[in-house]
ModelCIF file with pLDDT and N, C-alpha, C, O atoms, coordinates in Angstrom:
data_MODEL
#
_entry.id   MODEL 
#
_entity.id                         1 
_entity.type                       polymer 
_entity.pdbx_number_of_molecules   1 
#
_entity_poly.entity_id                      1 
_entity_poly.type                           'polypeptide(L)' 
_entity_poly.nstd_linkage                   no 
_entity_poly.nstd_monomer                   no 
_entity_poly.pdbx_seq_one_letter_code       VRDVTVRFGGIVALDAISFDVARGHICGLIGPNGAGKTTLFNCLSRLY 
_entity_poly.pdbx_seq_one_letter_code_can   VRDVTVRFGGIVALDAISFDVARGHICGLIGPNGAGKTTLFNCLSRLY 
_entity_poly.pdbx_strand_id                 A 
#
loop_
_entity_poly_seq.entity_id 
_entity_poly_seq.num 
_entity_poly_seq.mon_id 
_entity_poly_seq.hetero 
1 1  VAL n 
1 2  ARG n 
1 3  ASP n 
1 4  VAL n 
1 5  THR n 
1 6  VAL n 
1 7  ARG n 
1 8  PHE n 
1 9  GLY n 
1 10 GLY n 
1 11 ILE n 
1 12 VAL n 
1 13 ALA n 
1 14 LEU n 
1 15 ASP n 
1 16 ALA n 
1 17 ILE n 
1 18 SER n 
1 19 PHE n 
1 20 ASP n 
1 21 VAL n 
1 22 ALA n 
1 23 ARG n 
1 24 GLY n 
1 25 HIS n 
1 26 ILE n 
1 27 CYS n 
1 28 GLY n 
1 29 LEU n 
1 30 ILE n 
1 31 GLY n 
1 32 PRO n 
1 33 ASN n 
1 34 GLY n 
1 35 ALA n 
1 36 GLY n 
1 37 LYS n 
1 38 THR n 
1 39 THR n 
1 40 LEU n 
1 41 PHE n 
1 42 ASN n 
1 43 CYS n 
1 44 LEU n 
1 45 SER n 
1 46 ARG n 
1 47 LEU n 
1 48 TYR n 
#
_struct_asym.id          A 
_struct_asym.entity_id   1 
#
loop_
_ma_qa_metric.id 
_ma_qa_metric.mode 
_ma_qa_metric.name 
_ma_qa_metric.software_group_id 
_ma_qa_metric.type 
1 global pLDDT . pLDDT 
2 local  pLDDT . pLDDT 
#
_ma_qa_metric_global.metric_id      1 
_ma_qa_metric_global.metric_value   94.46 
_ma_qa_metric_global.model_id       1 
_ma_qa_metric_global.ordinal_id     1 
#
loop_
_ma_qa_metric_local.label_asym_id 
_ma_qa_metric_local.label_comp_id 
_ma_qa_metric_local.label_seq_id 
_ma_qa_metric_local.metric_id 
_ma_qa_metric_local.metric_value 
_ma_qa_metric_local.model_id 
_ma_qa_metric_local.ordinal_id 
A VAL 1  2 98.00 1 1  
A ARG 2  2 97.00 1 2  
A ASP 3  2 97.00 1 3  
A VAL 4  2 97.00 1 4  
A THR 5  2 97.00 1 5  
A VAL 6  2 96.00 1 6  
A ARG 7  2 94.00 1 7  
A PHE 8  2 92.00 1 8  
A GLY 9  2 88.00 1 9  
A GLY 10 2 87.00 1 10 
A ILE 11 2 91.00 1 11 
A VAL 12 2 93.00 1 12 
A ALA 13 2 95.00 1 13 
A LEU 14 2 97.00 1 14 
A ASP 15 2 96.00 1 15 
A ALA 16 2 96.00 1 16 
A ILE 17 2 97.00 1 17 
A SER 18 2 98.00 1 18 
A PHE 19 2 98.00 1 19 
A ASP 20 2 98.00 1 20 
A VAL 21 2 98.00 1 21 
A ALA 22 2 97.00 1 22 
A ARG 23 2 96.00 1 23 
A GLY 24 2 96.00 1 24 
A HIS 25 2 97.00 1 25 
A ILE 26 2 98.00 1 26 
A CYS 27 2 98.00 1 27 
A GLY 28 2 97.00 1 28 
A LEU 29 2 97.00 1 29 
A ILE 30 2 96.00 1 30 
A GLY 31 2 94.00 1 31 
A PRO 32 2 91.00 1 32 
A ASN 33 2 89.00 1 33 
A GLY 34 2 88.00 1 34 
A ALA 35 2 92.00 1 35 
A GLY 36 2 93.00 1 36 
A LYS 37 2 94.00 1 37 
A THR 38 2 92.00 1 38 
A THR 39 2 95.00 1 39 
A LEU 40 2 96.00 1 40 
A PHE 41 2 93.00 1 41 
A ASN 42 2 93.00 1 42 
A CYS 43 2 95.00 1 43 
A LEU 44 2 95.00 1 44 
A SER 45 2 91.00 1 45 
A ARG 46 2 90.00 1 46 
A LEU 47 2 90.00 1 47 
A TYR 48 2 91.00 1 48 
#
loop_
_atom_site.group_PDB 
_atom_site.id 
_atom_site.type_symbol 
_atom_site.label_atom_id 
_atom_site.label_alt_id 
_atom_site.label_comp_id 
_atom_site.label_asym_id 
_atom_site.label_entity_id 
_atom_site.label_seq_id 
_atom_site.pdbx_PDB_ins_code 
_atom_site.Cartn_x 
_atom_site.Cartn_y 
_atom_site.Cartn_z 
_atom_site.occupancy 
_atom_site.B_iso_or_equiv 
_atom_site.pdbx_formal_charge 
_atom_site.auth_seq_id 
_atom_site.auth_comp_id 
_atom_site.auth_asym_id 
_atom_site.auth_atom_id 
_atom_site.pdbx_PDB_model_num 
ATOM 1   N N  . VAL A 1 1  ? 59.058 -92.908  -193.486 1.00 98.00 ? 1  VAL A N  1 
ATOM 2   C CA . VAL A 1 1  ? 58.583 -93.547  -192.364 1.00 98.00 ? 1  VAL A CA 1 
ATOM 3   C C  . VAL A 1 1  ? 59.446 -95.055  -193.459 1.00 98.00 ? 1  VAL A C  1 
ATOM 4   O O  . VAL A 1 1  ? 59.132 -95.656  -194.487 1.00 98.00 ? 1  VAL A O  1 
ATOM 5   N N  . ARG A 1 2  ? 60.594 -95.107  -192.494 1.00 97.00 ? 2  ARG A N  1 
ATOM 6   C CA . ARG A 1 2  ? 61.579 -96.005  -192.851 1.00 97.00 ? 2  ARG A CA 1 
ATOM 7   C C  . ARG A 1 2  ? 60.878 -97.404  -192.077 1.00 97.00 ? 2  ARG A C  1 
ATOM 8   O O  . ARG A 1 2  ? 59.837 -97.210  -191.450 1.00 97.00 ? 2  ARG A O  1 
ATOM 9   N N  . ASP A 1 3  ? 61.255 -98.324  -192.108 1.00 97.00 ? 3  ASP A N  1 
ATOM 10  C CA . ASP A 1 3  ? 61.515 -100.010 -192.288 1.00 97.00 ? 3  ASP A CA 1 
ATOM 11  C C  . ASP A 1 3  ? 60.681 -99.915  -190.801 1.00 97.00 ? 3  ASP A C  1 
ATOM 12  O O  . ASP A 1 3  ? 61.439 -100.341 -189.929 1.00 97.00 ? 3  ASP A O  1 
ATOM 13  N N  . VAL A 1 4  ? 59.988 -99.693  -190.497 1.00 97.00 ? 4  VAL A N  1 
ATOM 14  C CA . VAL A 1 4  ? 58.486 -99.395  -188.855 1.00 97.00 ? 4  VAL A CA 1 
ATOM 15  C C  . VAL A 1 4  ? 58.549 -100.812 -188.443 1.00 97.00 ? 4  VAL A C  1 
ATOM 16  O O  . VAL A 1 4  ? 57.639 -101.365 -189.059 1.00 97.00 ? 4  VAL A O  1 
ATOM 17  N N  . THR A 1 5  ? 59.012 -101.459 -187.895 1.00 97.00 ? 5  THR A N  1 
ATOM 18  C CA . THR A 1 5  ? 58.602 -102.612 -188.106 1.00 97.00 ? 5  THR A CA 1 
ATOM 19  C C  . THR A 1 5  ? 57.883 -102.573 -186.435 1.00 97.00 ? 5  THR A C  1 
ATOM 20  O O  . THR A 1 5  ? 58.067 -101.569 -185.749 1.00 97.00 ? 5  THR A O  1 
ATOM 21  N N  . VAL A 1 6  ? 57.122 -103.679 -185.925 1.00 96.00 ? 6  VAL A N  1 
ATOM 22  C CA . VAL A 1 6  ? 56.248 -103.858 -184.824 1.00 96.00 ? 6  VAL A CA 1 
ATOM 23  C C  . VAL A 1 6  ? 55.985 -104.875 -184.648 1.00 96.00 ? 6  VAL A C  1 
ATOM 24  O O  . VAL A 1 6  ? 56.007 -105.688 -185.572 1.00 96.00 ? 6  VAL A O  1 
ATOM 25  N N  . ARG A 1 7  ? 55.639 -105.213 -183.398 1.00 94.00 ? 7  ARG A N  1 
ATOM 26  C CA . ARG A 1 7  ? 55.251 -107.119 -182.980 1.00 94.00 ? 7  ARG A CA 1 
ATOM 27  C C  . ARG A 1 7  ? 54.466 -106.983 -181.994 1.00 94.00 ? 7  ARG A C  1 
ATOM 28  O O  . ARG A 1 7  ? 54.650 -106.356 -180.951 1.00 94.00 ? 7  ARG A O  1 
ATOM 29  N N  . PHE A 1 8  ? 53.710 -107.492 -182.281 1.00 92.00 ? 8  PHE A N  1 
ATOM 30  C CA . PHE A 1 8  ? 52.767 -108.311 -180.855 1.00 92.00 ? 8  PHE A CA 1 
ATOM 31  C C  . PHE A 1 8  ? 52.764 -109.387 -180.189 1.00 92.00 ? 8  PHE A C  1 
ATOM 32  O O  . PHE A 1 8  ? 51.936 -110.281 -180.360 1.00 92.00 ? 8  PHE A O  1 
ATOM 33  N N  . GLY A 1 9  ? 54.122 -109.430 -178.972 1.00 88.00 ? 9  GLY A N  1 
ATOM 34  C CA . GLY A 1 9  ? 54.553 -111.309 -178.959 1.00 88.00 ? 9  GLY A CA 1 
ATOM 35  C C  . GLY A 1 9  ? 55.170 -112.207 -180.613 1.00 88.00 ? 9  GLY A C  1 
ATOM 36  O O  . GLY A 1 9  ? 56.034 -111.934 -181.446 1.00 88.00 ? 9  GLY A O  1 
ATOM 37  N N  . GLY A 1 10 ? 54.280 -113.218 -180.462 1.00 87.00 ? 10 GLY A N  1 
ATOM 38  C CA . GLY A 1 10 ? 54.611 -113.231 -182.072 1.00 87.00 ? 10 GLY A CA 1 
ATOM 39  C C  . GLY A 1 10 ? 53.360 -113.133 -183.348 1.00 87.00 ? 10 GLY A C  1 
ATOM 40  O O  . GLY A 1 10 ? 52.870 -113.810 -184.252 1.00 87.00 ? 10 GLY A O  1 
ATOM 41  N N  . ILE A 1 11 ? 53.246 -111.689 -182.654 1.00 91.00 ? 11 ILE A N  1 
ATOM 42  C CA . ILE A 1 11 ? 52.335 -111.287 -184.340 1.00 91.00 ? 11 ILE A CA 1 
ATOM 43  C C  . ILE A 1 11 ? 52.857 -109.900 -184.405 1.00 91.00 ? 11 ILE A C  1 
ATOM 44  O O  . ILE A 1 11 ? 52.776 -109.055 -183.513 1.00 91.00 ? 11 ILE A O  1 
ATOM 45  N N  . VAL A 1 12 ? 53.627 -109.720 -186.053 1.00 93.00 ? 12 VAL A N  1 
ATOM 46  C CA . VAL A 1 12 ? 54.103 -109.016 -187.146 1.00 93.00 ? 12 VAL A CA 1 
ATOM 47  C C  . VAL A 1 12 ? 53.351 -108.237 -186.992 1.00 93.00 ? 12 VAL A C  1 
ATOM 48  O O  . VAL A 1 12 ? 52.535 -109.093 -186.651 1.00 93.00 ? 12 VAL A O  1 
ATOM 49  N N  . ALA A 1 13 ? 52.546 -106.932 -186.876 1.00 95.00 ? 13 ALA A N  1 
ATOM 50  C CA . ALA A 1 13 ? 51.757 -106.003 -186.600 1.00 95.00 ? 13 ALA A CA 1 
ATOM 51  C C  . ALA A 1 13 ? 52.201 -104.891 -187.979 1.00 95.00 ? 13 ALA A C  1 
ATOM 52  O O  . ALA A 1 13 ? 51.600 -104.275 -188.859 1.00 95.00 ? 13 ALA A O  1 
ATOM 53  N N  . LEU A 1 14 ? 53.609 -105.088 -187.532 1.00 97.00 ? 14 LEU A N  1 
ATOM 54  C CA . LEU A 1 14 ? 54.483 -103.675 -189.080 1.00 97.00 ? 14 LEU A CA 1 
ATOM 55  C C  . LEU A 1 14 ? 55.103 -104.652 -189.847 1.00 97.00 ? 14 LEU A C  1 
ATOM 56  O O  . LEU A 1 14 ? 54.910 -105.713 -189.253 1.00 97.00 ? 14 LEU A O  1 
ATOM 57  N N  . ASP A 1 15 ? 55.768 -104.855 -190.889 1.00 96.00 ? 15 ASP A N  1 
ATOM 58  C CA . ASP A 1 15 ? 56.403 -105.396 -191.486 1.00 96.00 ? 15 ASP A CA 1 
ATOM 59  C C  . ASP A 1 15 ? 57.605 -104.215 -191.969 1.00 96.00 ? 15 ASP A C  1 
ATOM 60  O O  . ASP A 1 15 ? 58.263 -104.424 -192.988 1.00 96.00 ? 15 ASP A O  1 
ATOM 61  N N  . ALA A 1 16 ? 57.712 -103.587 -191.553 1.00 96.00 ? 16 ALA A N  1 
ATOM 62  C CA . ALA A 1 16 ? 59.675 -102.554 -191.805 1.00 96.00 ? 16 ALA A CA 1 
ATOM 63  C C  . ALA A 1 16 ? 58.739 -102.322 -193.574 1.00 96.00 ? 16 ALA A C  1 
ATOM 64  O O  . ALA A 1 16 ? 58.749 -102.879 -194.672 1.00 96.00 ? 16 ALA A O  1 
ATOM 65  N N  . ILE A 1 17 ? 57.965 -101.042 -192.846 1.00 97.00 ? 17 ILE A N  1 
ATOM 66  C CA . ILE A 1 17 ? 56.666 -100.424 -193.924 1.00 97.00 ? 17 ILE A CA 1 
ATOM 67  C C  . ILE A 1 17 ? 57.466 -98.848  -194.283 1.00 97.00 ? 17 ILE A C  1 
ATOM 68  O O  . ILE A 1 17 ? 57.293 -97.839  -193.599 1.00 97.00 ? 17 ILE A O  1 
ATOM 69  N N  . SER A 1 18 ? 58.060 -98.902  -195.101 1.00 98.00 ? 18 SER A N  1 
ATOM 70  C CA . SER A 1 18 ? 58.291 -97.268  -195.700 1.00 98.00 ? 18 SER A CA 1 
ATOM 71  C C  . SER A 1 18 ? 57.087 -96.792  -197.065 1.00 98.00 ? 18 SER A C  1 
ATOM 72  O O  . SER A 1 18 ? 56.419 -97.241  -197.997 1.00 98.00 ? 18 SER A O  1 
ATOM 73  N N  . PHE A 1 19 ? 57.445 -95.580  -196.331 1.00 98.00 ? 19 PHE A N  1 
ATOM 74  C CA . PHE A 1 19 ? 56.586 -94.217  -197.327 1.00 98.00 ? 19 PHE A CA 1 
ATOM 75  C C  . PHE A 1 19 ? 56.736 -93.037  -197.455 1.00 98.00 ? 19 PHE A C  1 
ATOM 76  O O  . PHE A 1 19 ? 57.833 -92.909  -196.912 1.00 98.00 ? 19 PHE A O  1 
ATOM 77  N N  . ASP A 1 20 ? 56.319 -91.612  -197.916 1.00 98.00 ? 20 ASP A N  1 
ATOM 78  C CA . ASP A 1 20 ? 57.131 -91.130  -197.464 1.00 98.00 ? 20 ASP A CA 1 
ATOM 79  C C  . ASP A 1 20 ? 55.699 -90.442  -198.168 1.00 98.00 ? 20 ASP A C  1 
ATOM 80  O O  . ASP A 1 20 ? 55.128 -91.022  -199.092 1.00 98.00 ? 20 ASP A O  1 
ATOM 81  N N  . VAL A 1 21 ? 55.176 -89.069  -197.581 1.00 98.00 ? 21 VAL A N  1 
ATOM 82  C CA . VAL A 1 21 ? 53.763 -87.867  -197.661 1.00 98.00 ? 21 VAL A CA 1 
ATOM 83  C C  . VAL A 1 21 ? 54.394 -86.335  -197.669 1.00 98.00 ? 21 VAL A C  1 
ATOM 84  O O  . VAL A 1 21 ? 54.555 -85.569  -196.719 1.00 98.00 ? 21 VAL A O  1 
ATOM 85  N N  . ALA A 1 22 ? 54.711 -86.149  -199.154 1.00 97.00 ? 22 ALA A N  1 
ATOM 86  C CA . ALA A 1 22 ? 54.730 -84.441  -199.464 1.00 97.00 ? 22 ALA A CA 1 
ATOM 87  C C  . ALA A 1 22 ? 54.448 -83.450  -198.452 1.00 97.00 ? 22 ALA A C  1 
ATOM 88  O O  . ALA A 1 22 ? 53.929 -83.855  -197.412 1.00 97.00 ? 22 ALA A O  1 
ATOM 89  N N  . ARG A 1 23 ? 54.644 -82.494  -198.552 1.00 96.00 ? 23 ARG A N  1 
ATOM 90  C CA . ARG A 1 23 ? 54.543 -81.400  -198.411 1.00 96.00 ? 23 ARG A CA 1 
ATOM 91  C C  . ARG A 1 23 ? 53.058 -81.137  -199.251 1.00 96.00 ? 23 ARG A C  1 
ATOM 92  O O  . ARG A 1 23 ? 52.908 -81.207  -200.471 1.00 96.00 ? 23 ARG A O  1 
ATOM 93  N N  . GLY A 1 24 ? 51.961 -80.799  -198.173 1.00 96.00 ? 24 GLY A N  1 
ATOM 94  C CA . GLY A 1 24 ? 51.252 -80.399  -199.534 1.00 96.00 ? 24 GLY A CA 1 
ATOM 95  C C  . GLY A 1 24 ? 50.683 -81.705  -200.099 1.00 96.00 ? 24 GLY A C  1 
ATOM 96  O O  . GLY A 1 24 ? 51.322 -82.418  -200.873 1.00 96.00 ? 24 GLY A O  1 
ATOM 97  N N  . HIS A 1 25 ? 50.073 -81.840  -199.886 1.00 97.00 ? 25 HIS A N  1 
ATOM 98  C CA . HIS A 1 25 ? 49.871 -83.317  -199.984 1.00 97.00 ? 25 HIS A CA 1 
ATOM 99  C C  . HIS A 1 25 ? 48.413 -83.978  -199.473 1.00 97.00 ? 25 HIS A C  1 
ATOM 100 O O  . HIS A 1 25 ? 47.929 -83.527  -198.434 1.00 97.00 ? 25 HIS A O  1 
ATOM 101 N N  . ILE A 1 26 ? 47.705 -85.053  -200.204 1.00 98.00 ? 26 ILE A N  1 
ATOM 102 C CA . ILE A 1 26 ? 46.499 -85.709  -199.904 1.00 98.00 ? 26 ILE A CA 1 
ATOM 103 C C  . ILE A 1 26 ? 47.050 -87.046  -199.719 1.00 98.00 ? 26 ILE A C  1 
ATOM 104 O O  . ILE A 1 26 ? 47.451 -87.655  -200.711 1.00 98.00 ? 26 ILE A O  1 
ATOM 105 N N  . CYS A 1 27 ? 47.132 -87.701  -198.266 1.00 98.00 ? 27 CYS A N  1 
ATOM 106 C CA . CYS A 1 27 ? 48.122 -89.444  -199.216 1.00 98.00 ? 27 CYS A CA 1 
ATOM 107 C C  . CYS A 1 27 ? 47.348 -90.741  -198.181 1.00 98.00 ? 27 CYS A C  1 
ATOM 108 O O  . CYS A 1 27 ? 47.896 -91.064  -197.128 1.00 98.00 ? 27 CYS A O  1 
ATOM 109 N N  . GLY A 1 28 ? 45.936 -91.454  -198.670 1.00 97.00 ? 28 GLY A N  1 
ATOM 110 C CA . GLY A 1 28 ? 45.625 -92.348  -198.584 1.00 97.00 ? 28 GLY A CA 1 
ATOM 111 C C  . GLY A 1 28 ? 46.112 -93.463  -197.873 1.00 97.00 ? 28 GLY A C  1 
ATOM 112 O O  . GLY A 1 28 ? 47.023 -94.119  -198.377 1.00 97.00 ? 28 GLY A O  1 
ATOM 113 N N  . LEU A 1 29 ? 45.542 -93.846  -196.540 1.00 97.00 ? 29 LEU A N  1 
ATOM 114 C CA . LEU A 1 29 ? 46.276 -94.735  -196.020 1.00 97.00 ? 29 LEU A CA 1 
ATOM 115 C C  . LEU A 1 29 ? 45.697 -95.904  -196.149 1.00 97.00 ? 29 LEU A C  1 
ATOM 116 O O  . LEU A 1 29 ? 45.734 -96.020  -194.924 1.00 97.00 ? 29 LEU A O  1 
ATOM 117 N N  . ILE A 1 30 ? 44.871 -97.514  -196.701 1.00 96.00 ? 30 ILE A N  1 
ATOM 118 C CA . ILE A 1 30 ? 44.291 -97.835  -196.683 1.00 96.00 ? 30 ILE A CA 1 
ATOM 119 C C  . ILE A 1 30 ? 44.626 -99.795  -196.802 1.00 96.00 ? 30 ILE A C  1 
ATOM 120 O O  . ILE A 1 30 ? 45.711 -100.364 -196.923 1.00 96.00 ? 30 ILE A O  1 
ATOM 121 N N  . GLY A 1 31 ? 43.708 -100.188 -196.740 1.00 94.00 ? 31 GLY A N  1 
ATOM 122 C CA . GLY A 1 31 ? 43.866 -101.672 -196.142 1.00 94.00 ? 31 GLY A CA 1 
ATOM 123 C C  . GLY A 1 31 ? 42.741 -102.598 -195.353 1.00 94.00 ? 31 GLY A C  1 
ATOM 124 O O  . GLY A 1 31 ? 42.802 -102.543 -194.125 1.00 94.00 ? 31 GLY A O  1 
ATOM 125 N N  . PRO A 1 32 ? 41.974 -103.233 -195.791 1.00 91.00 ? 32 PRO A N  1 
ATOM 126 C CA . PRO A 1 32 ? 41.719 -104.474 -194.871 1.00 91.00 ? 32 PRO A CA 1 
ATOM 127 C C  . PRO A 1 32 ? 41.637 -104.229 -193.474 1.00 91.00 ? 32 PRO A C  1 
ATOM 128 O O  . PRO A 1 32 ? 42.438 -103.470 -192.928 1.00 91.00 ? 32 PRO A O  1 
ATOM 129 N N  . ASN A 1 33 ? 40.359 -105.051 -192.592 1.00 89.00 ? 33 ASN A N  1 
ATOM 130 C CA . ASN A 1 33 ? 40.816 -104.569 -191.636 1.00 89.00 ? 33 ASN A CA 1 
ATOM 131 C C  . ASN A 1 33 ? 41.662 -105.603 -191.107 1.00 89.00 ? 33 ASN A C  1 
ATOM 132 O O  . ASN A 1 33 ? 41.637 -106.711 -191.643 1.00 89.00 ? 33 ASN A O  1 
ATOM 133 N N  . GLY A 1 34 ? 42.840 -105.249 -189.547 1.00 88.00 ? 34 GLY A N  1 
ATOM 134 C CA . GLY A 1 34 ? 43.188 -106.047 -189.305 1.00 88.00 ? 34 GLY A CA 1 
ATOM 135 C C  . GLY A 1 34 ? 45.373 -106.121 -189.831 1.00 88.00 ? 34 GLY A C  1 
ATOM 136 O O  . GLY A 1 34 ? 46.322 -106.767 -189.388 1.00 88.00 ? 34 GLY A O  1 
ATOM 137 N N  . ALA A 1 35 ? 45.130 -104.558 -191.476 1.00 92.00 ? 35 ALA A N  1 
ATOM 138 C CA . ALA A 1 35 ? 46.044 -104.396 -192.272 1.00 92.00 ? 35 ALA A CA 1 
ATOM 139 C C  . ALA A 1 35 ? 47.685 -103.447 -191.515 1.00 92.00 ? 35 ALA A C  1 
ATOM 140 O O  . ALA A 1 35 ? 48.905 -103.316 -191.618 1.00 92.00 ? 35 ALA A O  1 
ATOM 141 N N  . GLY A 1 36 ? 46.929 -103.187 -191.056 1.00 93.00 ? 36 GLY A N  1 
ATOM 142 C CA . GLY A 1 36 ? 48.787 -102.666 -190.119 1.00 93.00 ? 36 GLY A CA 1 
ATOM 143 C C  . GLY A 1 36 ? 47.842 -100.582 -189.961 1.00 93.00 ? 36 GLY A C  1 
ATOM 144 O O  . GLY A 1 36 ? 48.378 -99.726  -189.258 1.00 93.00 ? 36 GLY A O  1 
ATOM 145 N N  . LYS A 1 37 ? 46.895 -100.374 -190.535 1.00 94.00 ? 37 LYS A N  1 
ATOM 146 C CA . LYS A 1 37 ? 46.872 -98.969  -190.058 1.00 94.00 ? 37 LYS A CA 1 
ATOM 147 C C  . LYS A 1 37 ? 46.301 -98.381  -189.180 1.00 94.00 ? 37 LYS A C  1 
ATOM 148 O O  . LYS A 1 37 ? 45.513 -97.588  -189.695 1.00 94.00 ? 37 LYS A O  1 
ATOM 149 N N  . THR A 1 38 ? 46.273 -98.341  -188.124 1.00 92.00 ? 38 THR A N  1 
ATOM 150 C CA . THR A 1 38 ? 45.504 -97.857  -186.622 1.00 92.00 ? 38 THR A CA 1 
ATOM 151 C C  . THR A 1 38 ? 47.344 -97.665  -186.651 1.00 92.00 ? 38 THR A C  1 
ATOM 152 O O  . THR A 1 38 ? 47.885 -96.667  -187.126 1.00 92.00 ? 38 THR A O  1 
ATOM 153 N N  . THR A 1 39 ? 48.097 -98.832  -186.046 1.00 95.00 ? 39 THR A N  1 
ATOM 154 C CA . THR A 1 39 ? 49.458 -99.124  -185.459 1.00 95.00 ? 39 THR A CA 1 
ATOM 155 C C  . THR A 1 39 ? 50.618 -98.614  -186.581 1.00 95.00 ? 39 THR A C  1 
ATOM 156 O O  . THR A 1 39 ? 51.710 -98.100  -186.338 1.00 95.00 ? 39 THR A O  1 
ATOM 157 N N  . LEU A 1 40 ? 50.044 -98.914  -187.824 1.00 96.00 ? 40 LEU A N  1 
ATOM 158 C CA . LEU A 1 40 ? 51.115 -96.953  -187.881 1.00 96.00 ? 40 LEU A CA 1 
ATOM 159 C C  . LEU A 1 40 ? 50.378 -95.202  -187.469 1.00 96.00 ? 40 LEU A C  1 
ATOM 160 O O  . LEU A 1 40 ? 50.968 -94.256  -186.947 1.00 96.00 ? 40 LEU A O  1 
ATOM 161 N N  . PHE A 1 41 ? 49.721 -95.238  -187.682 1.00 93.00 ? 41 PHE A N  1 
ATOM 162 C CA . PHE A 1 41 ? 48.923 -94.776  -186.809 1.00 93.00 ? 41 PHE A CA 1 
ATOM 163 C C  . PHE A 1 41 ? 49.708 -93.713  -185.118 1.00 93.00 ? 41 PHE A C  1 
ATOM 164 O O  . PHE A 1 41 ? 50.482 -92.843  -184.719 1.00 93.00 ? 41 PHE A O  1 
ATOM 165 N N  . ASN A 1 42 ? 48.589 -94.834  -184.744 1.00 93.00 ? 42 ASN A N  1 
ATOM 166 C CA . ASN A 1 42 ? 49.580 -94.798  -183.193 1.00 93.00 ? 42 ASN A CA 1 
ATOM 167 C C  . ASN A 1 42 ? 50.807 -95.047  -183.294 1.00 93.00 ? 42 ASN A C  1 
ATOM 168 O O  . ASN A 1 42 ? 51.223 -95.402  -182.191 1.00 93.00 ? 42 ASN A O  1 
ATOM 169 N N  . CYS A 1 43 ? 51.199 -95.045  -183.672 1.00 95.00 ? 43 CYS A N  1 
ATOM 170 C CA . CYS A 1 43 ? 53.232 -95.168  -183.964 1.00 95.00 ? 43 CYS A CA 1 
ATOM 171 C C  . CYS A 1 43 ? 53.456 -93.805  -184.186 1.00 95.00 ? 43 CYS A C  1 
ATOM 172 O O  . CYS A 1 43 ? 54.128 -93.272  -183.304 1.00 95.00 ? 43 CYS A O  1 
ATOM 173 N N  . LEU A 1 44 ? 52.854 -92.614  -185.701 1.00 95.00 ? 44 LEU A N  1 
ATOM 174 C CA . LEU A 1 44 ? 53.429 -91.740  -185.631 1.00 95.00 ? 44 LEU A CA 1 
ATOM 175 C C  . LEU A 1 44 ? 52.700 -90.396  -184.707 1.00 95.00 ? 44 LEU A C  1 
ATOM 176 O O  . LEU A 1 44 ? 52.807 -89.186  -184.904 1.00 95.00 ? 44 LEU A O  1 
ATOM 177 N N  . SER A 1 45 ? 51.779 -91.299  -183.426 1.00 91.00 ? 45 SER A N  1 
ATOM 178 C CA . SER A 1 45 ? 50.895 -90.757  -183.177 1.00 91.00 ? 45 SER A CA 1 
ATOM 179 C C  . SER A 1 45 ? 52.106 -90.833  -180.913 1.00 91.00 ? 45 SER A C  1 
ATOM 180 O O  . SER A 1 45 ? 51.592 -90.250  -179.959 1.00 91.00 ? 45 SER A O  1 
ATOM 181 N N  . ARG A 1 46 ? 53.228 -91.468  -180.777 1.00 90.00 ? 46 ARG A N  1 
ATOM 182 C CA . ARG A 1 46 ? 53.731 -91.842  -180.337 1.00 90.00 ? 46 ARG A CA 1 
ATOM 183 C C  . ARG A 1 46 ? 53.265 -93.215  -179.231 1.00 90.00 ? 46 ARG A C  1 
ATOM 184 O O  . ARG A 1 46 ? 54.126 -93.723  -178.513 1.00 90.00 ? 46 ARG A O  1 
ATOM 185 N N  . LEU A 1 47 ? 51.740 -93.733  -179.217 1.00 90.00 ? 47 LEU A N  1 
ATOM 186 C CA . LEU A 1 47 ? 51.704 -93.571  -179.025 1.00 90.00 ? 47 LEU A CA 1 
ATOM 187 C C  . LEU A 1 47 ? 51.628 -95.611  -178.753 1.00 90.00 ? 47 LEU A C  1 
ATOM 188 O O  . LEU A 1 47 ? 51.075 -96.279  -177.879 1.00 90.00 ? 47 LEU A O  1 
ATOM 189 N N  . TYR A 1 48 ? 52.241 -95.902  -179.643 1.00 91.00 ? 48 TYR A N  1 
ATOM 190 C CA . TYR A 1 48 ? 53.135 -97.324  -179.771 1.00 91.00 ? 48 TYR A CA 1 
ATOM 191 C C  . TYR A 1 48 ? 54.157 -96.891  -180.229 1.00 91.00 ? 48 TYR A C  1 
ATOM 192 O O  . TYR A 1 48 ? 55.095 -97.650  -180.474 1.00 91.00 ? 48 TYR A O  1 
#
């Protein structure tokens, strides 16, 4: 994931997010409510 940015109107839901997931790893994605986790998942699923 490289510099992924998502805006909903004037709200920045994801601000230049970058990270890698290595093959064969379990990677946790955490954060408080509204942190952008589900938005990122929806980008990975091509829903957003």
